[in-house]
Amino acid sequence: MNDDVKIALTLTRHEEAWWIINQSTEYCCTVNDQIVEPHHRMRLNEGDLIEWGLSS
């Protein structure tokens, strides 16, 4: 395993809700086709579609 590899996404529970946090500028995350900007978070709901991959 490469020591430079870091987790780019975090799922956290806060006040009875789940949140996804994009902690990277190298990877892209969308929730229901809405971009989660680097270093921002979005509240998740049941049935949300999360996509994650390299940004261009």
Protein backbone atom coordinates (compact mmCIF):
# COMPACT_ATOMS: atom_id res chain seq x y z
CA MET A 1 0.00 0.00 0.00
CA ASN A 2 1.23 3.47 -0.90
CA ASP A 3 1.70 5.71 2.18
CA ASP A 4 0.65 8.76 0.12
CA VAL A 5 -2.87 7.39 -0.44
CA LYS A 6 -5.45 9.15 1.73
CA ILE A 7 -9.17 8.66 2.18
CA ALA A 8 -10.92 11.33 0.16
CA LEU A 9 -14.45 10.85 1.49
CA THR A 10 -15.83 10.72 4.99
CA LEU A 11 -19.27 9.55 6.08
CA THR A 12 -20.26 10.93 9.46
CA ARG A 13 -23.39 10.89 11.60
CA HIS A 14 -24.34 14.16 13.27
CA GLU A 15 -27.62 15.06 14.95
CA GLU A 16 -29.55 12.06 13.57
CA ALA A 17 -28.36 12.64 9.98
CA TRP A 18 -25.62 11.18 7.78
CA TRP A 19 -23.26 13.55 5.94
CA ILE A 20 -20.71 12.92 3.21
CA ILE A 21 -17.61 15.13 3.19
CA ASN A 22 -15.32 15.45 0.15
CA GLN A 23 -11.84 15.93 1.59
CA SER A 24 -9.97 15.92 -1.73
CA THR A 25 -9.30 18.12 -4.74
CA GLU A 26 -8.04 15.10 -6.72
CA TYR A 27 -11.29 13.12 -6.59
CA CYS A 28 -14.82 14.08 -7.57
CA CYS A 29 -17.93 13.16 -5.64
CA THR A 30 -21.56 13.59 -6.67
CA VAL A 31 -24.75 12.86 -4.78
CA ASN A 32 -27.77 12.50 -7.07
CA ASP A 33 -25.76 14.23 -9.85
CA GLN A 34 -25.01 17.25 -7.60
CA ILE A 35 -21.28 17.89 -7.17
CA VAL A 36 -19.92 17.90 -3.64
CA GLU A 37 -17.17 20.54 -3.92
CA PRO A 38 -13.77 19.82 -2.34
CA HIS A 39 -13.80 20.33 1.45
CA HIS A 40 -17.61 20.64 1.52
CA ARG A 41 -20.29 18.33 2.90
CA MET A 42 -23.78 17.26 1.90
CA ARG A 43 -26.55 15.68 3.95
CA LEU A 44 -27.50 12.20 2.80
CA ASN A 45 -30.97 10.73 2.57
CA GLU A 46 -32.15 7.16 2.09
CA GLY A 47 -31.84 6.12 -1.55
CA ASP A 48 -29.23 8.75 -2.53
CA LEU A 49 -26.89 7.76 -5.36
CA ILE A 50 -23.24 8.48 -4.55
CA GLU A 51 -20.63 8.50 -7.34
CA TRP A 52 -16.92 8.94 -6.71
CA GLY A 53 -13.89 9.00 -9.00
CA LEU A 54 -11.02 10.96 -10.47
CA SER A 55 -11.74 14.58 -11.39
CA SER A 56 -10.63 15.98 -14.72
